Structures are given as structure tokens and as C-alpha cells.
Amino acid sequence: VEAGESVWVRVGSGCELGGEQAGPQVEPGSCDIAVRNGAGGTGGAGQIADALKDRGFDVTETGNTDTYVYDETLVVYNDDAFEAAAETVVASLGLGRTVPGAGFYTFDTDVLVVLGKDWKPTS
């Protein structure tokens, strides 16, 4: 790591941390995904949804969270059967971290992407 280089820059550029291997990967079209903008700004959920669709994911819903308080992008799963799918989404985006829903998030899809302020819009 070079001086001043953040962990997030390394992760975003595909560098591995701590020698850990990426989690199991699943076929992108094998689960359905909702994307919600939790960072504010305009069009974030749509841009993430388009990026996921371009990579073969089945995005069935986009929208906003109730509040724009998310500093970090989260990829949420309620059922452990979809943990690998959530990890595949994170790996594909190069952004975010997986978290179990634990009843704190309401969604009807297999995976929920909550866009955080760590995401930078494309032009």
C-alpha cells in the first residue's frame, strides 16, 4: 500500500485485502434485485440498476430509501441462501459490503442494494 492510499481505493481497484479469497460466486441472473438510492442525488438507483443489468443481473425494482443517511453502499439479503448472490453483486460492482437483513430492511426481492454516499455517479 502506498502512502495515503485508502483501503477503499485498493478494494475498488480489485486489490485483495488480508489474503482472503472472494466468496462463492453465483450466476448473475439467478436472483432478483431491488436497488434503492440511500445517498440522495438524482438517478443513482437507475445508474446502479443499469450497471447490474449490463452484467446480467435481474433488477426488478428501483427507488429511494425513506431517508438519505447511508454513507456506505449495502447489499442486503434476508435468507442465507442468497448470501453468495449478495457477495456476487458486491464483487460485480466493486463497491459495498454484504449484510444480513435481520428484519431491519423491507424488500420482496432476493437481494437489496442500498446505494450509499461512497458511490460516485458516472457522467
C-alpha atoms as a PDB file:
ATOM      1  CA  VAL A   1       0.000   0.000   0.000  1.00  0.00           C
ATOM      2  CA  GLU A   2       1.399   3.344  -0.971  1.00  0.00           C
ATOM      3  CA  ALA A   3       1.343   6.226   1.481  1.00  0.00           C
ATOM      4  CA  GLY A   4      -2.059   7.855   1.595  1.00  0.00           C
ATOM      5  CA  GLU A   5      -3.776   5.117  -0.402  1.00  0.00           C
ATOM      6  CA  SER A   6      -7.017   4.198   1.306  1.00  0.00           C
ATOM      7  CA  VAL A   7      -8.330   0.703   1.781  1.00  0.00           C
ATOM      8  CA  TRP A   8     -11.393   1.707  -0.251  1.00  0.00           C
ATOM      9  CA  VAL A   9      -9.248   2.735  -3.219  1.00  0.00           C
ATOM     10  CA  ARG A  10      -7.484  -0.641  -3.054  1.00  0.00           C
ATOM     11  CA  VAL A  11     -10.744  -2.559  -2.776  1.00  0.00           C
ATOM     12  CA  GLY A  12     -12.334  -0.530  -5.579  1.00  0.00           C
ATOM     13  CA  SER A  13      -9.390  -1.295  -7.841  1.00  0.00           C
ATOM     14  CA  GLY A  14      -9.691  -5.021  -7.214  1.00  0.00           C
ATOM     15  CA  CYS A  15      -6.856  -5.484  -4.723  1.00  0.00           C
ATOM     16  CA  GLU A  16      -7.338  -8.256  -2.201  1.00  0.00           C
ATOM     17  CA  LEU A  17      -7.059  -7.486   1.483  1.00  0.00           C
ATOM     18  CA  GLY A  18      -5.686  -9.787   4.156  1.00  0.00           C
ATOM     19  CA  GLY A  19      -5.228 -12.645   1.706  1.00  0.00           C
ATOM     20  CA  GLU A  20      -8.913 -13.560   1.902  1.00  0.00           C
ATOM     21  CA  GLN A  21     -10.444 -15.111  -1.165  1.00  0.00           C
ATOM     22  CA  ALA A  22     -13.638 -13.754  -2.651  1.00  0.00           C
ATOM     23  CA  GLY A  23     -16.779 -15.564  -1.548  1.00  0.00           C
ATOM     24  CA  PRO A  24     -18.584 -18.033  -3.774  1.00  0.00           C
ATOM     25  CA  GLN A  25     -19.937 -16.585  -6.990  1.00  0.00           C
ATOM     26  CA  VAL A  26     -23.379 -17.277  -8.444  1.00  0.00           C
ATOM     27  CA  GLU A  27     -24.848 -16.734 -11.895  1.00  0.00           C
ATOM     28  CA  PRO A  28     -25.980 -13.086 -12.058  1.00  0.00           C
ATOM     29  CA  GLY A  29     -29.450 -13.912 -13.413  1.00  0.00           C
ATOM     30  CA  SER A  30     -30.195 -16.454 -10.679  1.00  0.00           C
ATOM     31  CA  CYS A  31     -31.682 -13.922  -8.241  1.00  0.00           C
ATOM     32  CA  ASP A  32     -33.794 -10.802  -8.411  1.00  0.00           C
ATOM     33  CA  ILE A  33     -32.549  -7.481  -7.082  1.00  0.00           C
ATOM     34  CA  ALA A  34     -34.073  -4.239  -5.828  1.00  0.00           C
ATOM     35  CA  VAL A  35     -31.944  -1.079  -5.912  1.00  0.00           C
ATOM     36  CA  ARG A  36     -32.705   1.873  -3.655  1.00  0.00           C
ATOM     37  CA  ASN A  37     -30.919   5.186  -3.513  1.00  0.00           C
ATOM     38  CA  GLY A  38     -29.919   5.863   0.095  1.00  0.00           C
ATOM     39  CA  ALA A  39     -27.428   8.622  -0.708  1.00  0.00           C
ATOM     40  CA  GLY A  40     -29.631  11.300  -2.221  1.00  0.00           C
ATOM     41  CA  GLY A  41     -28.802  12.854  -5.530  1.00  0.00           C
ATOM     42  CA  THR A  42     -30.654  12.131  -8.720  1.00  0.00           C
ATOM     43  CA  GLY A  43     -30.562   8.970 -10.785  1.00  0.00           C
ATOM     44  CA  GLY A  44     -28.247   6.894  -8.598  1.00  0.00           C
ATOM     45  CA  ALA A  45     -30.538   3.890  -8.304  1.00  0.00           C
ATOM     46  CA  GLY A  46     -31.101   3.913 -12.057  1.00  0.00           C
ATOM     47  CA  GLN A  47     -27.383   4.024 -12.829  1.00  0.00           C
ATOM     48  CA  ILE A  48     -26.621   1.151 -10.453  1.00  0.00           C
ATOM     49  CA  ALA A  49     -29.582  -0.818 -11.827  1.00  0.00           C
ATOM     50  CA  ASP A  50     -28.342  -0.285 -15.398  1.00  0.00           C
ATOM     51  CA  ALA A  51     -24.812  -1.369 -14.426  1.00  0.00           C
ATOM     52  CA  LEU A  52     -26.178  -4.532 -12.831  1.00  0.00           C
ATOM     53  CA  LYS A  53     -28.434  -5.281 -15.808  1.00  0.00           C
ATOM     54  CA  ASP A  54     -25.434  -4.846 -18.133  1.00  0.00           C
ATOM     55  CA  ARG A  55     -23.695  -7.558 -16.091  1.00  0.00           C
ATOM     56  CA  GLY A  56     -26.647  -9.944 -16.432  1.00  0.00           C
ATOM     57  CA  PHE A  57     -28.430  -9.325 -13.127  1.00  0.00           C
ATOM     58  CA  ASP A  58     -32.227  -9.292 -12.898  1.00  0.00           C
ATOM     59  CA  VAL A  59     -33.115  -5.891 -11.400  1.00  0.00           C
ATOM     60  CA  THR A  60     -36.867  -5.836 -10.827  1.00  0.00           C
ATOM     61  CA  GLU A  61     -37.282  -2.671  -8.765  1.00  0.00           C
ATOM     62  CA  THR A  62     -35.634   0.734  -8.273  1.00  0.00           C
ATOM     63  CA  GLY A  63     -36.480   3.597  -5.957  1.00  0.00           C
ATOM     64  CA  ASN A  64     -35.336   5.588  -2.956  1.00  0.00           C
ATOM     65  CA  THR A  65     -34.955   4.857   0.724  1.00  0.00           C
ATOM     66  CA  ASP A  66     -37.087   6.786   3.212  1.00  0.00           C
ATOM     67  CA  THR A  67     -34.051   8.824   4.292  1.00  0.00           C
ATOM     68  CA  TYR A  68     -30.709   9.596   2.676  1.00  0.00           C
ATOM     69  CA  VAL A  69     -28.452   8.613   5.565  1.00  0.00           C
ATOM     70  CA  TYR A  70     -26.382   5.813   4.045  1.00  0.00           C
ATOM     71  CA  ASP A  71     -22.676   6.642   3.920  1.00  0.00           C
ATOM     72  CA  GLU A  72     -21.805   3.161   2.659  1.00  0.00           C
ATOM     73  CA  THR A  73     -23.395   1.018  -0.041  1.00  0.00           C
ATOM     74  CA  LEU A  74     -25.007  -2.096   1.442  1.00  0.00           C
ATOM     75  CA  VAL A  75     -26.015  -5.289  -0.325  1.00  0.00           C
ATOM     76  CA  VAL A  76     -28.644  -6.902   1.886  1.00  0.00           C
ATOM     77  CA  TYR A  77     -30.021 -10.442   1.940  1.00  0.00           C
ATOM     78  CA  ASN A  78     -32.724 -11.811   4.252  1.00  0.00           C
ATOM     79  CA  ASP A  79     -32.221 -15.501   3.526  1.00  0.00           C
ATOM     80  CA  ASP A  80     -28.782 -17.110   3.957  1.00  0.00           C
ATOM     81  CA  ALA A  81     -29.424 -18.885   0.650  1.00  0.00           C
ATOM     82  CA  PHE A  82     -28.819 -15.506  -1.053  1.00  0.00           C
ATOM     83  CA  GLU A  83     -25.624 -14.545   0.782  1.00  0.00           C
ATOM     84  CA  ALA A  84     -23.489 -15.762  -2.145  1.00  0.00           C
ATOM     85  CA  ALA A  85     -25.695 -13.779  -4.541  1.00  0.00           C
ATOM     86  CA  ALA A  86     -25.135 -10.641  -2.445  1.00  0.00           C
ATOM     87  CA  GLU A  87     -21.385 -11.281  -2.496  1.00  0.00           C
ATOM     88  CA  THR A  88     -21.531 -11.643  -6.279  1.00  0.00           C
ATOM     89  CA  VAL A  89     -23.267  -8.252  -6.539  1.00  0.00           C
ATOM     90  CA  VAL A  90     -20.556  -6.604  -4.403  1.00  0.00           C
ATOM     91  CA  ALA A  91     -17.814  -8.219  -6.493  1.00  0.00           C
ATOM     92  CA  SER A  92     -19.501  -7.141  -9.722  1.00  0.00           C
ATOM     93  CA  LEU A  93     -19.966  -3.535  -8.608  1.00  0.00           C
ATOM     94  CA  GLY A  94     -16.602  -3.283  -6.873  1.00  0.00           C
ATOM     95  CA  LEU A  95     -18.497  -1.420  -4.194  1.00  0.00           C
ATOM     96  CA  GLY A  96     -20.350  -2.031  -0.958  1.00  0.00           C
ATOM     97  CA  ARG A  97     -20.481  -4.790   1.602  1.00  0.00           C
ATOM     98  CA  THR A  98     -22.921  -7.598   2.271  1.00  0.00           C
ATOM     99  CA  VAL A  99     -25.115  -7.545   5.366  1.00  0.00           C
ATOM    100  CA  PRO A 100     -27.870  -9.860   6.595  1.00  0.00           C
ATOM    101  CA  GLY A 101     -31.223  -8.058   6.693  1.00  0.00           C
ATOM    102  CA  ALA A 102     -32.055  -9.315  10.195  1.00  0.00           C
ATOM    103  CA  GLY A 103     -35.525  -7.798   9.893  1.00  0.00           C
ATOM    104  CA  PHE A 104     -34.222  -4.224   9.553  1.00  0.00           C
ATOM    105  CA  TYR A 105     -34.884  -3.901   5.806  1.00  0.00           C
ATOM    106  CA  THR A 106     -38.144  -4.441   3.954  1.00  0.00           C
ATOM    107  CA  PHE A 107     -37.910  -5.816   0.418  1.00  0.00           C
ATOM    108  CA  ASP A 108     -39.539  -8.545  -1.640  1.00  0.00           C
ATOM    109  CA  THR A 109     -36.573  -9.459  -3.837  1.00  0.00           C
ATOM    110  CA  ASP A 110     -33.749 -11.897  -3.106  1.00  0.00           C
ATOM    111  CA  VAL A 111     -31.198  -9.087  -2.676  1.00  0.00           C
ATOM    112  CA  LEU A 112     -31.463  -5.367  -1.919  1.00  0.00           C
ATOM    113  CA  VAL A 113     -28.780  -2.865  -2.948  1.00  0.00           C
ATOM    114  CA  VAL A 114     -28.886   0.334  -0.875  1.00  0.00           C
ATOM    115  CA  LEU A 115     -26.758   2.916  -2.621  1.00  0.00           C
ATOM    116  CA  GLY A 116     -24.579   4.897  -0.214  1.00  0.00           C
ATOM    117  CA  LYS A 117     -22.592   8.109  -0.419  1.00  0.00           C
ATOM    118  CA  ASP A 118     -19.448   6.079  -1.211  1.00  0.00           C
ATOM    119  CA  TRP A 119     -20.782   5.680  -4.773  1.00  0.00           C
ATOM    120  CA  LYS A 120     -19.742   8.261  -7.353  1.00  0.00           C
ATOM    121  CA  PRO A 121     -22.101   8.858 -10.293  1.00  0.00           C
ATOM    122  CA  THR A 122     -20.909   8.283 -13.835  1.00  0.00           C
ATOM    123  CA  SER A 123     -21.208  11.069 -16.336  1.00  0.00           C
END
